[in-house]
């Protein structure tokens, strides 16, 4: 018997749990980066704040897609994959830029 809560399957529950864990970790990193930036105002820290922020937005959107099942409503099953991929690409571009510059 598959685990199902309010119509959400076990796989989605696990994915939501993982994304909520990512949100908690990224929030902690963002807090530390902002605290560090207040002490030492350098571009590298701004890049880290941007990187963590973009990934945080990605995780929040992913949870929204999973909970509200946007793809089932629109018939566009590729949307979460494309949106997540684009956001992750932006975050990795930021990380590469700040790593290359510093």
N, C-alpha and C. Protein backbone atom coordinates (compact mmCIF):
# COMPACT_ATOMS: atom_id res chain seq x y z
N UNK A 1 0.85 -1.17 0.00
CA UNK A 1 0.00 0.00 0.00
C UNK A 1 0.89 1.24 0.00
N UNK A 2 0.64 2.11 -0.93
CA UNK A 2 1.45 3.32 -1.08
C UNK A 2 1.02 4.37 -0.06
N UNK A 3 2.00 5.08 0.45
CA UNK A 3 1.73 6.18 1.37
C UNK A 3 1.12 7.33 0.60
N UNK A 4 -0.03 7.82 1.08
CA UNK A 4 -0.69 8.93 0.40
C UNK A 4 -1.34 9.83 1.44
N UNK A 5 -1.01 11.11 1.40
CA UNK A 5 -1.59 12.09 2.32
C UNK A 5 -2.21 13.19 1.48
N UNK A 6 -3.50 13.38 1.64
CA UNK A 6 -4.24 14.41 0.91
C UNK A 6 -4.00 14.33 -0.60
N UNK A 7 -3.93 13.12 -1.13
CA UNK A 7 -3.75 12.95 -2.56
C UNK A 7 -2.32 13.09 -3.05
N UNK A 8 -1.38 13.25 -2.15
CA UNK A 8 0.03 13.39 -2.54
C UNK A 8 0.72 12.05 -2.30
N UNK A 9 1.35 11.52 -3.32
CA UNK A 9 1.99 10.20 -3.23
C UNK A 9 3.26 10.24 -2.39
N UNK A 10 3.73 9.06 -2.04
CA UNK A 10 4.93 8.93 -1.22
C UNK A 10 6.16 9.54 -1.84
N UNK A 11 6.30 9.42 -3.17
CA UNK A 11 7.45 10.00 -3.87
C UNK A 11 7.42 11.52 -3.74
N UNK A 12 6.23 12.11 -3.92
CA UNK A 12 6.12 13.57 -3.80
C UNK A 12 6.38 14.00 -2.36
N UNK A 13 5.91 13.23 -1.39
CA UNK A 13 6.14 13.57 0.02
C UNK A 13 7.64 13.56 0.30
N UNK A 14 8.35 12.56 -0.21
CA UNK A 14 9.81 12.49 -0.03
C UNK A 14 10.50 13.67 -0.71
N UNK A 15 10.06 14.00 -1.93
CA UNK A 15 10.66 15.12 -2.66
C UNK A 15 10.41 16.44 -1.93
N UNK A 16 9.20 16.61 -1.40
CA UNK A 16 8.88 17.82 -0.65
C UNK A 16 9.74 17.90 0.61
N UNK A 17 9.91 16.76 1.29
CA UNK A 17 10.76 16.72 2.48
C UNK A 17 12.20 17.10 2.18
N UNK A 18 12.72 16.59 1.08
CA UNK A 18 14.09 16.91 0.68
C UNK A 18 14.21 18.40 0.36
N UNK A 19 13.24 18.94 -0.38
CA UNK A 19 13.28 20.36 -0.73
C UNK A 19 13.14 21.24 0.52
N UNK A 20 12.32 20.83 1.48
CA UNK A 20 12.21 21.59 2.73
C UNK A 20 13.54 21.57 3.49
N UNK A 21 14.24 20.42 3.44
CA UNK A 21 15.58 20.35 4.02
C UNK A 21 16.54 21.29 3.31
N UNK A 22 16.44 21.34 1.96
CA UNK A 22 17.28 22.26 1.19
C UNK A 22 16.98 23.71 1.55
N UNK A 23 15.69 24.02 1.74
CA UNK A 23 15.30 25.37 2.13
C UNK A 23 15.92 25.74 3.48
N UNK A 24 15.89 24.81 4.42
CA UNK A 24 16.47 25.07 5.74
C UNK A 24 17.99 25.29 5.63
N UNK A 25 18.67 24.43 4.87
CA UNK A 25 20.12 24.57 4.71
C UNK A 25 20.49 25.87 3.99
N UNK A 26 19.77 26.18 2.92
CA UNK A 26 20.06 27.41 2.18
C UNK A 26 19.75 28.65 3.01
N UNK A 27 18.71 28.59 3.84
CA UNK A 27 18.41 29.71 4.73
C UNK A 27 19.54 29.92 5.72
N UNK A 28 20.08 28.82 6.26
CA UNK A 28 21.22 28.92 7.16
C UNK A 28 22.44 29.50 6.48
N UNK A 29 22.72 29.04 5.26
CA UNK A 29 23.85 29.58 4.51
C UNK A 29 23.65 31.06 4.21
N UNK A 30 22.45 31.43 3.81
CA UNK A 30 22.16 32.82 3.51
C UNK A 30 22.35 33.70 4.74
N UNK A 31 21.91 33.22 5.89
CA UNK A 31 22.10 33.94 7.14
C UNK A 31 23.59 34.17 7.41
N UNK A 32 24.39 33.10 7.26
CA UNK A 32 25.83 33.22 7.51
C UNK A 32 26.51 34.14 6.51
N UNK A 33 26.10 34.07 5.24
CA UNK A 33 26.70 34.93 4.22
C UNK A 33 26.36 36.40 4.47
N UNK A 34 25.13 36.67 4.84
CA UNK A 34 24.72 38.06 5.13
C UNK A 34 25.47 38.57 6.36
N UNK A 35 25.59 37.73 7.39
CA UNK A 35 26.33 38.10 8.59
C UNK A 35 27.79 38.40 8.25
N UNK A 36 28.37 37.57 7.40
CA UNK A 36 29.76 37.77 6.97
C UNK A 36 29.90 39.05 6.15
N UNK A 37 28.92 39.32 5.29
CA UNK A 37 28.98 40.51 4.46
C UNK A 37 28.92 41.79 5.30
N UNK A 38 28.16 41.76 6.39
CA UNK A 38 28.07 42.93 7.26
C UNK A 38 29.42 43.23 7.91
N UNK A 39 30.24 42.19 8.13
CA UNK A 39 31.55 42.37 8.74
C UNK A 39 32.61 42.73 7.69
N UNK A 40 32.60 42.02 6.58
CA UNK A 40 33.61 42.21 5.53
C UNK A 40 32.88 42.39 4.20
N UNK A 41 32.79 43.60 3.75
CA UNK A 41 32.05 43.90 2.52
C UNK A 41 32.93 43.67 1.29
N UNK A 42 32.85 42.42 0.77
CA UNK A 42 33.59 42.10 -0.44
C UNK A 42 32.64 41.48 -1.47
N UNK A 43 33.04 41.55 -2.74
CA UNK A 43 32.22 41.05 -3.82
C UNK A 43 31.97 39.56 -3.77
N UNK A 44 32.93 38.81 -3.25
CA UNK A 44 32.77 37.36 -3.17
C UNK A 44 31.56 37.00 -2.32
N UNK A 45 31.38 37.70 -1.20
CA UNK A 45 30.26 37.43 -0.31
C UNK A 45 28.94 37.80 -0.97
N UNK A 46 28.94 38.89 -1.74
CA UNK A 46 27.74 39.27 -2.49
C UNK A 46 27.38 38.16 -3.47
N UNK A 47 28.38 37.60 -4.12
CA UNK A 47 28.15 36.49 -5.04
C UNK A 47 27.58 35.27 -4.34
N UNK A 48 28.10 34.96 -3.16
CA UNK A 48 27.58 33.84 -2.39
C UNK A 48 26.13 34.08 -1.95
N UNK A 49 25.82 35.32 -1.58
CA UNK A 49 24.45 35.66 -1.21
C UNK A 49 23.53 35.48 -2.42
N UNK A 50 23.97 35.94 -3.58
CA UNK A 50 23.18 35.79 -4.81
C UNK A 50 22.98 34.31 -5.15
N UNK A 51 24.04 33.54 -5.06
CA UNK A 51 23.99 32.11 -5.36
C UNK A 51 22.98 31.40 -4.45
N UNK A 52 23.11 31.62 -3.14
CA UNK A 52 22.21 30.97 -2.19
C UNK A 52 20.77 31.44 -2.39
N UNK A 53 20.59 32.70 -2.71
CA UNK A 53 19.24 33.24 -2.92
C UNK A 53 18.56 32.59 -4.12
N UNK A 54 19.30 32.45 -5.22
CA UNK A 54 18.73 31.84 -6.42
C UNK A 54 18.35 30.38 -6.15
N UNK A 55 19.21 29.65 -5.49
CA UNK A 55 18.88 28.26 -5.17
C UNK A 55 17.72 28.16 -4.18
N UNK A 56 17.62 29.12 -3.26
CA UNK A 56 16.50 29.15 -2.33
C UNK A 56 15.19 29.36 -3.09
N UNK A 57 15.19 30.28 -4.04
CA UNK A 57 14.00 30.52 -4.87
C UNK A 57 13.64 29.25 -5.64
N UNK A 58 14.64 28.57 -6.17
CA UNK A 58 14.40 27.32 -6.90
C UNK A 58 13.72 26.28 -6.01
N UNK A 59 14.21 26.13 -4.79
CA UNK A 59 13.63 25.14 -3.88
C UNK A 59 12.20 25.50 -3.50
N UNK A 60 11.95 26.78 -3.27
CA UNK A 60 10.59 27.21 -2.93
C UNK A 60 9.64 26.95 -4.10
N UNK A 61 10.08 27.28 -5.33
CA UNK A 61 9.25 27.01 -6.50
C UNK A 61 9.01 25.52 -6.70
N UNK A 62 10.03 24.72 -6.45
CA UNK A 62 9.88 23.27 -6.59
C UNK A 62 8.85 22.73 -5.63
N UNK A 63 8.87 23.19 -4.38
CA UNK A 63 7.85 22.76 -3.41
C UNK A 63 6.47 23.17 -3.90
N UNK A 64 6.35 24.39 -4.42
CA UNK A 64 5.07 24.84 -4.97
C UNK A 64 4.59 23.96 -6.10
N UNK A 65 5.50 23.63 -7.03
CA UNK A 65 5.13 22.75 -8.15
C UNK A 65 4.69 21.39 -7.63
N UNK A 66 5.37 20.86 -6.63
CA UNK A 66 5.03 19.53 -6.11
C UNK A 66 3.71 19.54 -5.35
N UNK A 67 3.49 20.54 -4.53
CA UNK A 67 2.26 20.58 -3.73
C UNK A 67 1.04 20.85 -4.60
N UNK A 68 1.13 21.85 -5.45
CA UNK A 68 -0.03 22.25 -6.23
C UNK A 68 -0.15 21.50 -7.55
N UNK A 69 0.83 20.66 -7.86
CA UNK A 69 0.80 19.82 -9.05
C UNK A 69 0.45 20.64 -10.29
N UNK A 70 1.20 21.69 -10.50
CA UNK A 70 0.96 22.62 -11.60
C UNK A 70 0.97 21.89 -12.95
N UNK A 71 1.86 20.94 -13.12
CA UNK A 71 1.94 20.26 -14.40
C UNK A 71 0.68 19.47 -14.72
N UNK A 72 0.02 18.92 -13.71
CA UNK A 72 -1.22 18.18 -13.95
C UNK A 72 -2.35 19.12 -14.37
N UNK A 73 -2.34 20.33 -13.85
CA UNK A 73 -3.39 21.29 -14.19
C UNK A 73 -3.22 21.84 -15.60
N UNK A 74 -1.99 22.03 -16.03
CA UNK A 74 -1.74 22.65 -17.33
C UNK A 74 -1.43 21.63 -18.43
N UNK A 75 -1.11 20.41 -18.04
CA UNK A 75 -0.71 19.42 -19.03
C UNK A 75 0.74 19.58 -19.47
N UNK A 76 1.46 20.50 -18.85
CA UNK A 76 2.87 20.74 -19.20
C UNK A 76 3.76 20.04 -18.19
N UNK A 77 4.03 18.76 -18.40
CA UNK A 77 4.80 17.96 -17.44
C UNK A 77 6.26 18.35 -17.39
N UNK A 78 6.74 19.07 -18.37
CA UNK A 78 8.15 19.45 -18.43
C UNK A 78 8.44 20.73 -17.67
N UNK A 79 7.40 21.50 -17.31
CA UNK A 79 7.61 22.82 -16.71
C UNK A 79 8.51 22.80 -15.47
N UNK A 80 8.26 21.95 -14.46
CA UNK A 80 9.15 21.98 -13.28
C UNK A 80 10.60 21.66 -13.62
N UNK A 81 10.80 20.76 -14.58
CA UNK A 81 12.16 20.39 -14.95
C UNK A 81 12.86 21.57 -15.64
N UNK A 82 12.17 22.22 -16.56
CA UNK A 82 12.76 23.34 -17.30
C UNK A 82 13.02 24.52 -16.36
N UNK A 83 12.03 24.87 -15.55
CA UNK A 83 12.19 26.02 -14.64
C UNK A 83 13.31 25.74 -13.65
N UNK A 84 13.33 24.56 -13.06
CA UNK A 84 14.39 24.20 -12.12
C UNK A 84 15.76 24.21 -12.78
N UNK A 85 15.83 23.70 -14.00
CA UNK A 85 17.09 23.67 -14.73
C UNK A 85 17.61 25.07 -15.04
N UNK A 86 16.71 25.96 -15.44
CA UNK A 86 17.11 27.33 -15.75
C UNK A 86 17.61 28.03 -14.50
N UNK A 87 16.89 27.89 -13.40
CA UNK A 87 17.30 28.55 -12.16
C UNK A 87 18.62 27.99 -11.66
N UNK A 88 18.79 26.68 -11.75
CA UNK A 88 20.05 26.08 -11.32
C UNK A 88 21.20 26.55 -12.21
N UNK A 89 20.96 26.70 -13.51
CA UNK A 89 21.97 27.21 -14.42
C UNK A 89 22.40 28.62 -14.02
N UNK A 90 21.43 29.47 -13.66
CA UNK A 90 21.75 30.84 -13.23
C UNK A 90 22.60 30.80 -11.96
N UNK A 91 22.20 29.96 -11.00
CA UNK A 91 22.95 29.87 -9.74
C UNK A 91 24.38 29.39 -9.98
N UNK A 92 24.54 28.39 -10.82
CA UNK A 92 25.88 27.87 -11.10
C UNK A 92 26.73 28.88 -11.87
N UNK A 93 26.09 29.68 -12.72
CA UNK A 93 26.80 30.74 -13.43
C UNK A 93 27.34 31.76 -12.44
N UNK A 94 26.51 32.13 -11.47
CA UNK A 94 26.96 33.06 -10.42
C UNK A 94 28.14 32.48 -9.66
N UNK A 95 28.04 31.21 -9.27
CA UNK A 95 29.12 30.57 -8.52
C UNK A 95 30.41 30.52 -9.34
N UNK A 96 30.30 30.17 -10.62
CA UNK A 96 31.48 30.13 -11.47
C UNK A 96 32.12 31.51 -11.59
N UNK A 97 31.31 32.53 -11.78
CA UNK A 97 31.82 33.90 -11.92
C UNK A 97 32.57 34.34 -10.67
N UNK A 98 31.96 34.14 -9.48
CA UNK A 98 32.64 34.60 -8.26
C UNK A 98 33.87 33.76 -7.95
N UNK A 99 33.82 32.48 -8.29
CA UNK A 99 34.98 31.63 -8.07
C UNK A 99 36.12 32.02 -9.01
N UNK A 100 35.79 32.32 -10.24
CA UNK A 100 36.79 32.72 -11.24
C UNK A 100 37.43 34.05 -10.88
N UNK A 101 36.60 35.01 -10.39
CA UNK A 101 37.10 36.35 -10.08
C UNK A 101 37.94 36.40 -8.80
N UNK A 102 37.68 35.51 -7.84
CA UNK A 102 38.38 35.58 -6.57
C UNK A 102 39.21 34.34 -6.41
